[in-house]
Protein backbone atom coordinates (compact mmCIF):
# COMPACT_ATOMS: atom_id res chain seq x y z
CA MET A 1 -67.61 -146.82 -94.32
CA ARG A 2 -68.93 -143.39 -93.53
CA ILE A 3 -71.48 -143.58 -96.38
CA PHE A 4 -72.60 -147.00 -95.15
CA VAL A 5 -73.32 -145.59 -91.68
CA ILE A 6 -75.40 -142.76 -93.15
CA ILE A 7 -77.48 -145.22 -95.17
CA ILE A 8 -78.14 -147.35 -92.09
CA CYS A 9 -79.29 -144.28 -90.16
CA LEU A 10 -81.69 -143.29 -92.94
CA LEU A 11 -83.20 -146.76 -93.08
CA PHE A 12 -84.05 -146.56 -89.37
CA THR A 13 -85.33 -142.98 -89.65
CA PHE A 14 -87.78 -143.36 -92.58
CA PRO A 15 -90.11 -145.86 -90.87
CA LEU A 16 -90.40 -143.55 -87.87
CA VAL A 17 -91.31 -140.58 -90.08
CA ALA A 18 -93.80 -142.66 -92.06
CA GLN A 19 -95.39 -143.96 -88.86
CA LYS A 20 -95.64 -140.47 -87.44
CA SER A 21 -97.29 -139.17 -90.65
CA LYS A 22 -99.69 -142.11 -90.73
CA ASN A 23 -100.73 -141.57 -87.13
CA LYS A 24 -101.30 -137.88 -87.80
CA ILE A 25 -103.58 -138.56 -90.80
CA GLU A 26 -105.66 -141.12 -88.94
CA GLU A 27 -106.27 -138.84 -85.98
CA VAL A 28 -107.88 -136.02 -87.99
CA PRO A 29 -111.17 -137.71 -89.01
CA THR A 30 -111.52 -139.23 -85.54
CA VAL A 31 -111.55 -135.77 -83.98
CA ALA A 32 -113.80 -134.36 -86.73
CA VAL A 33 -116.66 -136.85 -86.26
CA SER A 34 -116.38 -137.40 -82.52
CA GLU A 35 -119.23 -134.96 -81.90
CA GLY A 36 -121.48 -136.03 -84.77
CA ILE A 37 -122.10 -134.87 -88.33
CA THR A 38 -123.62 -131.47 -89.04
CA TYR A 39 -126.39 -131.34 -91.63
CA ALA A 40 -128.91 -128.75 -92.77
CA LEU A 41 -132.52 -128.88 -93.80
CA PRO A 42 -133.28 -127.29 -97.15
CA ARG A 43 -135.06 -124.05 -97.72
CA THR A 44 -136.87 -123.27 -100.93
CA GLY A 45 -135.98 -120.54 -103.38
CA ILE A 46 -138.16 -119.39 -106.24
CA ARG A 47 -136.57 -119.11 -109.65
CA VAL A 48 -138.18 -116.78 -112.18
CA LEU A 49 -137.22 -117.81 -115.73
CA VAL A 50 -137.99 -115.27 -118.43
CA GLU A 51 -137.65 -116.09 -122.11
CA ALA A 52 -137.34 -112.82 -124.00
CA ARG A 53 -136.65 -111.53 -127.49
CA LYS A 54 -134.60 -108.50 -128.46
CA THR A 55 -135.38 -107.09 -131.89
CA THR A 56 -133.06 -104.55 -133.48
CA LEU A 57 -134.66 -102.36 -136.19
CA ILE A 58 -132.45 -100.56 -138.71
CA PRO A 59 -134.10 -97.99 -141.02
CA GLY A 60 -133.54 -98.31 -144.75
CA PRO A 61 -131.45 -95.70 -146.58
CA PHE A 62 -134.52 -94.81 -148.71
CA ALA A 63 -136.98 -94.77 -145.79
CA MET A 64 -138.08 -91.17 -146.41
CA PHE A 65 -139.21 -92.13 -149.92
CA ALA A 66 -141.22 -95.22 -148.93
CA GLU A 67 -144.61 -93.50 -148.91
CA PRO A 68 -144.31 -91.15 -151.90
CA LEU A 69 -142.76 -93.76 -154.19
CA LEU A 70 -144.32 -97.05 -153.01
CA GLY A 71 -147.22 -96.00 -150.79
CA ILE A 72 -145.72 -97.77 -147.74
CA LYS A 73 -146.58 -95.94 -144.53
CA ASP A 74 -145.18 -95.95 -141.01
CA VAL A 75 -141.71 -97.22 -141.82
CA ILE A 76 -139.03 -96.75 -139.16
CA LEU A 77 -136.87 -93.65 -139.61
CA GLN A 78 -134.52 -94.10 -136.64
CA PRO A 79 -132.72 -97.17 -135.25
CA GLN A 80 -134.78 -98.89 -132.56
CA THR A 81 -134.42 -101.72 -130.06
CA VAL A 82 -137.56 -103.50 -128.94
CA TRP A 83 -137.68 -106.03 -126.08
CA GLU A 84 -140.58 -108.36 -125.34
CA MET A 85 -141.15 -111.06 -122.75
CA LYS A 86 -142.21 -114.22 -124.57
CA LYS A 87 -142.64 -116.69 -121.71
CA ILE A 88 -142.39 -116.62 -117.90
CA SER A 89 -142.14 -119.71 -115.72
CA LEU A 90 -141.77 -120.20 -111.98
CA GLU A 91 -139.97 -123.13 -110.37
CA ILE A 92 -138.31 -123.98 -107.08
CA PHE A 93 -134.73 -124.76 -106.15
CA THR A 94 -133.09 -125.82 -102.89
CA GLU A 95 -130.28 -124.51 -100.76
CA PRO A 96 -129.28 -125.17 -97.12
CA ASP A 97 -131.30 -123.23 -94.57
CA PRO A 98 -128.84 -121.44 -92.23
CA ASN A 99 -131.55 -121.34 -89.56
CA GLN A 100 -132.09 -125.12 -89.57
CA VAL A 101 -128.72 -126.79 -88.94
CA PHE A 102 -128.48 -129.90 -86.75
CA LYS A 103 -125.87 -132.34 -85.54
CA THR A 104 -126.28 -136.10 -85.35
CA ASN A 105 -125.13 -138.35 -82.55
CA THR A 106 -122.07 -140.50 -83.13
CA LEU A 107 -123.99 -143.79 -83.41
CA ILE A 108 -125.75 -142.98 -86.68
CA ILE A 109 -122.84 -141.27 -88.46
CA PRO A 110 -122.08 -144.18 -90.85
CA LEU A 111 -125.71 -144.32 -92.01
CA ILE A 112 -126.21 -140.67 -92.96
CA GLN A 113 -126.42 -139.55 -96.60
CA LEU A 114 -126.10 -135.88 -97.50
CA THR A 115 -126.51 -133.91 -100.72
CA SER A 116 -123.51 -132.12 -102.19
CA ASN A 117 -124.52 -128.89 -100.42
CA GLY A 118 -124.87 -130.56 -97.01
CA CYS A 119 -128.63 -131.12 -96.78
CA LEU A 120 -130.04 -134.35 -95.40
CA ALA A 121 -130.76 -136.79 -98.26
CA GLY A 122 -131.29 -140.16 -96.58
CA PHE A 123 -130.58 -142.53 -93.76
CA ASN A 124 -129.31 -146.06 -94.34
CA SER A 125 -130.02 -145.63 -98.10
CA PRO A 126 -126.66 -145.81 -99.87
CA ASN A 127 -128.13 -146.08 -103.40
CA LEU A 128 -129.69 -142.64 -103.65
CA GLY A 129 -127.74 -141.67 -106.74
CA ASN A 130 -126.96 -138.13 -107.83
CA GLN A 131 -129.82 -135.84 -106.87
CA ASP A 132 -128.12 -132.58 -107.76
CA LYS A 133 -129.64 -130.50 -110.55
CA LYS A 134 -127.61 -128.66 -113.12
CA PRO A 135 -127.40 -124.91 -112.49
CA ILE A 136 -129.34 -122.57 -114.73
CA PHE A 137 -127.57 -119.59 -116.26
CA ASN A 138 -128.62 -116.51 -118.15
CA SER A 139 -128.22 -117.33 -121.82
CA LEU A 140 -128.32 -115.86 -125.31
CA VAL A 141 -129.37 -117.63 -128.48
CA THR A 142 -128.93 -115.88 -131.81
CA ASN A 143 -131.59 -116.84 -134.31
CA GLY A 144 -130.27 -118.75 -137.30
CA ASN A 145 -130.19 -117.19 -140.78
CA THR A 146 -130.48 -113.68 -139.36
CA PRO A 147 -129.97 -111.19 -142.19
CA SER A 148 -127.30 -108.54 -141.91
CA THR A 149 -128.61 -105.20 -140.72
CA SER A 150 -126.03 -103.30 -142.77
CA PHE A 151 -126.82 -101.83 -146.19
CA GLU A 152 -123.19 -101.05 -147.02
CA ASN A 153 -122.97 -103.81 -149.65
CA SER A 154 -126.08 -102.75 -151.55
CA VAL A 155 -125.43 -101.87 -155.18
CA TRP A 156 -127.77 -98.90 -154.74
CA LEU A 157 -125.39 -97.42 -152.18
CA SER A 158 -122.06 -98.37 -153.73
CA THR A 159 -119.38 -95.75 -154.34
CA SER A 160 -120.00 -95.98 -158.09
CA SER A 161 -123.44 -94.53 -157.45
CA GLY A 162 -122.15 -91.91 -155.04
CA ARG A 163 -122.52 -89.01 -157.47
CA THR A 164 -126.11 -89.87 -158.29
CA PRO A 165 -128.61 -87.98 -156.09
CA ILE A 166 -130.27 -90.19 -153.49
CA GLU A 167 -133.69 -89.18 -154.78
CA GLN A 168 -132.81 -90.57 -158.23
CA ARG A 169 -131.46 -93.83 -156.78
CA ALA A 170 -134.59 -94.23 -154.67
CA ALA A 171 -136.79 -93.68 -157.74
CA GLU A 172 -134.82 -96.21 -159.78
CA ALA A 173 -135.00 -98.79 -156.99
CA SER A 174 -138.76 -98.31 -156.61
CA ALA A 175 -139.20 -98.78 -160.36
CA GLN A 176 -137.28 -102.04 -160.06
CA VAL A 177 -139.58 -103.15 -157.20
CA LEU A 178 -142.67 -102.52 -159.33
CA LYS A 179 -141.11 -104.26 -162.32
CA SER A 180 -140.26 -107.32 -160.19
CA LYS A 181 -143.83 -107.47 -158.87
CA ALA A 182 -145.25 -107.21 -162.37
CA THR A 183 -142.95 -109.90 -163.77
CA ARG A 184 -143.83 -112.26 -160.96
CA PHE A 185 -147.54 -111.67 -161.58
CA ASP A 186 -147.15 -112.30 -165.30
CA ILE A 187 -145.30 -115.58 -164.70
CA VAL A 188 -148.00 -116.81 -162.32
CA ALA A 189 -150.81 -115.69 -164.64
CA GLY A 190 -149.06 -117.07 -167.77
CA LEU A 191 -149.15 -113.69 -169.53
CA LEU A 192 -145.55 -113.69 -170.76
CA ASP A 193 -145.11 -113.88 -174.54
CA GLU A 194 -142.20 -116.26 -174.20
CA ARG A 195 -142.73 -119.67 -172.66
CA HIS A 196 -142.21 -119.43 -168.91
CA PRO A 197 -140.32 -122.16 -167.04
CA ASP A 198 -142.17 -125.00 -165.40
CA GLY A 199 -141.53 -127.49 -162.61
CA LYS A 200 -138.52 -126.73 -160.40
CA ALA A 201 -137.27 -123.99 -162.71
CA TYR A 202 -140.65 -122.26 -162.35
CA GLU A 203 -140.39 -122.20 -158.55
CA GLU A 204 -136.76 -121.08 -158.68
CA SER A 205 -137.69 -118.18 -160.96
CA LEU A 206 -140.40 -117.04 -158.56
CA ASP A 207 -138.10 -117.41 -155.57
CA GLU A 208 -135.43 -115.31 -157.25
CA LEU A 209 -137.95 -112.58 -158.01
CA ARG A 210 -139.23 -112.65 -154.42
CA LYS A 211 -135.66 -112.39 -153.11
CA THR A 212 -134.88 -109.43 -155.36
CA GLU A 213 -138.12 -107.73 -154.39
CA LYS A 214 -137.48 -108.28 -150.67
CA GLU A 215 -133.96 -106.86 -150.87
CA LEU A 216 -135.21 -103.80 -152.70
CA LEU A 217 -138.11 -103.23 -150.31
CA GLU A 218 -135.74 -103.37 -147.33
CA LEU A 219 -134.08 -100.22 -148.69
CA TYR A 220 -137.35 -98.48 -147.78
CA THR A 221 -138.81 -100.52 -144.90
CA GLY A 222 -135.51 -101.32 -143.16
CA ARG A 223 -134.17 -104.54 -141.70
CA GLN A 224 -134.45 -106.28 -138.39
CA LYS A 225 -132.74 -109.08 -136.52
CA SER A 226 -133.82 -110.92 -133.40
CA GLN A 227 -131.95 -112.52 -130.53
CA ASP A 228 -133.54 -114.76 -127.90
CA TYR A 229 -132.47 -114.51 -124.27
CA THR A 230 -133.21 -116.41 -121.08
CA PHE A 231 -132.99 -114.44 -117.84
CA ASN A 232 -132.83 -116.14 -114.47
CA TYR A 233 -133.90 -114.34 -111.28
CA VAL A 234 -134.06 -115.87 -107.81
CA TYR A 235 -136.03 -114.98 -104.71
CA ILE A 236 -135.81 -116.58 -101.26
CA PRO A 237 -139.03 -116.19 -99.23
CA VAL A 238 -138.09 -115.24 -95.68
CA ALA A 239 -141.56 -114.22 -94.53
CA LYS A 240 -144.89 -115.97 -94.95
CA SER A 241 -146.47 -112.91 -96.50
CA VAL A 242 -144.65 -110.76 -99.06
CA LYS A 243 -146.30 -108.03 -101.11
CA GLY A 244 -144.78 -106.07 -103.95
CA GLU A 245 -141.17 -107.25 -103.71
CA VAL A 246 -139.33 -106.03 -106.82
CA ILE A 247 -137.54 -108.84 -108.69
CA PHE A 248 -136.27 -106.84 -111.67
CA ARG A 249 -137.26 -103.91 -113.83
CA PHE A 250 -138.16 -103.93 -117.50
CA ASP A 251 -138.32 -101.39 -120.29
CA GLU A 252 -139.45 -102.09 -123.84
CA ASN A 253 -136.40 -100.29 -125.26
CA LEU A 254 -133.75 -100.78 -122.57
CA GLY A 255 -134.63 -104.40 -121.76
CA PHE A 256 -134.04 -106.09 -118.40
CA LEU A 257 -132.67 -103.87 -115.65
CA ALA A 258 -131.58 -104.25 -112.04
CA LYS A 259 -134.29 -103.75 -109.46
CA ASN A 260 -132.69 -100.51 -108.27
CA ASP A 261 -132.53 -99.06 -111.80
CA PHE A 262 -135.56 -96.79 -112.01
CA SER A 263 -135.24 -96.47 -115.80
CA GLY A 264 -137.59 -99.44 -116.09
CA LYS A 265 -140.95 -100.45 -114.69
CA PRO A 266 -140.93 -102.90 -111.76
CA VAL A 267 -141.82 -106.56 -112.03
CA MET A 268 -142.96 -107.58 -108.54
CA ILE A 269 -143.54 -110.81 -106.69
CA ASP A 270 -146.20 -111.59 -104.06
CA VAL A 271 -145.91 -114.70 -101.89
CA GLU A 272 -148.61 -115.78 -99.48
CA ALA A 273 -148.29 -118.90 -97.30
CA GLU A 274 -151.35 -121.07 -96.85
CA GLU A 275 -152.43 -121.89 -93.31
CA LEU A 276 -150.90 -125.11 -92.02
CA PRO A 277 -152.91 -127.89 -90.37
CA SER A 278 -152.57 -128.14 -86.62
CA GLY A 279 -149.20 -129.52 -85.57
CA SER A 280 -146.07 -128.48 -83.80
CA SER A 281 -142.45 -128.20 -84.78
CA ALA A 282 -139.76 -130.28 -83.13
CA ALA A 283 -136.55 -129.03 -81.61
CA ALA A 284 -133.21 -130.69 -81.10
CA THR A 285 -132.55 -131.49 -77.44
CA PRO A 286 -129.99 -133.66 -75.61
CA ALA A 287 -132.80 -136.11 -75.00
CA ASN A 288 -133.82 -136.12 -78.64
CA PRO A 289 -130.66 -135.97 -80.81
CA GLY A 290 -132.29 -137.83 -83.70
CA LEU A 291 -132.88 -136.86 -87.32
CA PHE A 292 -135.07 -133.94 -88.30
CA TYR A 293 -136.94 -133.33 -91.51
CA ARG A 294 -139.34 -130.81 -92.97
CA GLN A 295 -143.05 -130.90 -93.49
CA PRO A 296 -143.21 -128.20 -96.19
CA GLY A 297 -145.93 -125.62 -96.47
CA VAL A 298 -147.54 -124.19 -99.58
CA GLY A 299 -147.13 -120.71 -100.98
CA ASN A 300 -149.21 -118.93 -103.58
CA VAL A 301 -146.90 -116.93 -105.83
CA LYS A 302 -147.90 -114.11 -108.14
CA LEU A 303 -145.81 -112.02 -110.52
CA THR A 304 -147.15 -108.64 -111.66
CA LYS A 305 -146.08 -105.90 -114.06
CA GLU A 306 -147.94 -102.59 -114.08
CA LEU A 307 -150.83 -104.11 -112.10
CA THR A 308 -151.12 -106.92 -114.67
CA VAL A 309 -150.62 -110.47 -113.45
CA ILE A 310 -148.08 -112.12 -115.75
CA ALA A 311 -147.47 -115.41 -113.89
CA THR A 312 -148.89 -117.41 -110.98
CA ALA A 313 -147.94 -120.65 -109.25
CA ARG A 314 -148.76 -122.71 -106.20
CA LEU A 315 -145.47 -124.07 -104.87
CA ALA A 316 -144.26 -126.24 -102.00
CA ILE A 317 -142.10 -123.98 -99.79
CA ALA A 318 -139.99 -125.82 -97.22
CA GLN A 319 -139.57 -122.95 -94.76
CA PHE A 320 -143.33 -122.33 -94.67
CA GLY A 321 -143.83 -125.71 -92.96
CA ASN A 322 -142.82 -127.44 -89.75
CA VAL A 323 -139.69 -129.23 -88.60
CA LEU A 324 -140.39 -132.73 -87.30
CA ALA A 325 -138.25 -135.43 -85.68
CA LEU A 326 -138.01 -139.05 -86.72
CA SER A 327 -138.81 -141.63 -84.08
CA ALA A 328 -135.69 -143.10 -82.45
CA GLU A 329 -137.05 -146.58 -83.29
CA LEU A 330 -136.46 -145.88 -86.99
CA LEU A 331 -132.76 -145.18 -86.45
CA ASN A 332 -131.61 -148.60 -85.29
CA GLY A 333 -130.34 -149.59 -88.73
CA SER A 334 -133.33 -151.75 -89.68
CA TYR A 335 -134.95 -149.10 -91.85
CA SER A 336 -133.99 -147.26 -94.99
CA ILE A 337 -135.26 -143.67 -95.11
CA GLU A 338 -135.23 -141.18 -97.97
CA PHE A 339 -136.09 -137.48 -98.10
CA HIS A 340 -137.19 -135.28 -100.98
CA PRO A 341 -134.16 -133.15 -101.84
CA GLU A 342 -136.33 -130.24 -103.05
CA THR A 343 -138.30 -129.76 -99.84
CA GLY A 344 -136.71 -131.92 -97.16
CA ALA A 345 -139.99 -133.82 -96.74
CA LEU A 346 -140.08 -137.49 -95.86
CA LYS A 347 -140.15 -139.54 -99.07
CA SER A 348 -140.11 -143.18 -98.01
CA ILE A 349 -139.46 -145.55 -95.11
CA SER A 350 -138.74 -149.19 -95.89
CA LYS A 351 -137.67 -152.07 -93.73
CA LYS A 352 -134.37 -153.65 -94.77
């Protein structure tokens, strides 16, 4: 009997708890949107994408004998790392402007569309789709079929040859290089006494001789391997005229460095806004609580390294323009409005 009473009490208690929880959940969004939805206008950032190549040079173990034995000059004698910038491109990206944040009135809340970062995307246009771009990261790509830079496995440096003076091994290897060259020439010229191979076997014979010759020459000239990198730097223009702002520093041996690392030479950006046509910006007021959008300006961008211009671009910069307000007549639900996510500019207005 006592257990029965407890069960009856629980049955009456659970609906009350559930109702209380339900009421609590429903009240939260009502309070959150009672004063409108906050949205931002975008500001434009400049992304500097640099495609670069790092080449590692390893001297050959017989490097000091390259000129006297084979007549090859200017071979590397010490390990080196060489960086070069292969391609530079400039593009824009968007982020919310902390200086341009607005709040809608309660009547138009259901018709607002925002991007994932809270910028205004559209009004009464539910089929905008995903307008977010994938982020860009710094990346490394190792070139395929990169030869090993180690000479440890070379038969000319094996432990069995360890007692032989290096000068003698270098002389023997150079004689093998010259013999390989001569044999290859004789095959091509048809000067061999025995019948040389033809067709596919002919090409394979030549390829094998070239491979042997290359491996031997590397003992004198050294080896190298390359790796391709993509570096991503960003800059947010906050003034309409910027001169000599350091983006990063670069050194041919040390590579890409932070802008405060004075081991490298500065790569600088200049941004100059073009003069806007006559017009005035709008401001949010109690009498005008409508939607605001951007009329972007244009900036001329220049990248320089050691007084040499290495990249230029003419880009639409949102914060170089004006902020304008949509007419209240367009917000009655009869129109579908879209905005460019990159600049916040008005894209289209269509009657539904």
